[in-house]
């Protein structure tokens, strides 16, 4: 009688198929359930992601934060900039769920609007860093020679500085502000994408199908655009999810230091900075913005872990 590997080892851990069946069981009608199972069978990456609980939790949290950010005008009970000096540092209550800040603004409303600011900073910064770093790394690896050495030495110089220090230097040059903070964070992430894309392209360039494409007389630029880049993006997708967490955290750093979004913009880092002088008398002024930062960064890190499991079969759960 044939015995499978898990039985021989005496392991009772649930298989990937069990996770797929559970995911399919959440779909309503039998027809929809069969279509869901068929879609999962055709997409192994999606199947591996759905059985990774941490990644799914991270995705759900990000979806919830995104909905809160989009619905901020509808969900906010007060204007995020409305000042009422008669209720300064009021504790959480039925009228102000998260309390008020040092000038009487509703912290719940400001946290909701702050989700918009933080997500926009993350998306713009990561997009800028990838748009600058990915072409540089890909062309450097594919061309080789002195252009590769020149680009990589510049990247090595930038990587010698911590990203937050690079962002502070850029802010010192361009001045504080929300737009300059996004530019600074994007510039600080550029060398990471350049280095990662270079290593990924070098790996793909050595594959036999690239040599076959060359032997057919396909132009080099077309090989790079149509054959190398699409097969080198898997680690970039994972890095992008992790970079979003890093960008949001860097924006909070800059806001805390007064170098990012300027008052009265409802940004979580600046809210932490304003509430730090009242940690003993009114800790809620710092606790709630800090919780939003923690949950957001944790969500993107969990999503990155799930994408690593989905896009790299070596990390698949057994």
Foldseek 3Di string as FASTA:
>chain_A
DDDDPCVVVVHPDDDLVVLQLVVLVVDDDPVSSVVSSVVCVVAVLVSLLSSQVLQVVLVVLVVVLVVLLVCLVVPQPDDQADFDQVQALPPADPVQNLGAHRRRGRLVSLLSPQSNLLLVLLVLLLVLLLVQQQVQLLCLLLVDDPSVVVSVVVLVVLVVDQLLVQLVVQCVVVPFAAVSSSVSSSVSNNSVNSVLNNVLLNVQCPDPVVVVCVVVVDDSVCCSVPPRVVRRCLVVVLVSLLSSLVSSVSQLVCLLVVRYHHPPRSHLNVQLNRCPVCCPPRVSSNVVSVVSSVSNSSSSNSSSVSSCCSSPVVNRDD
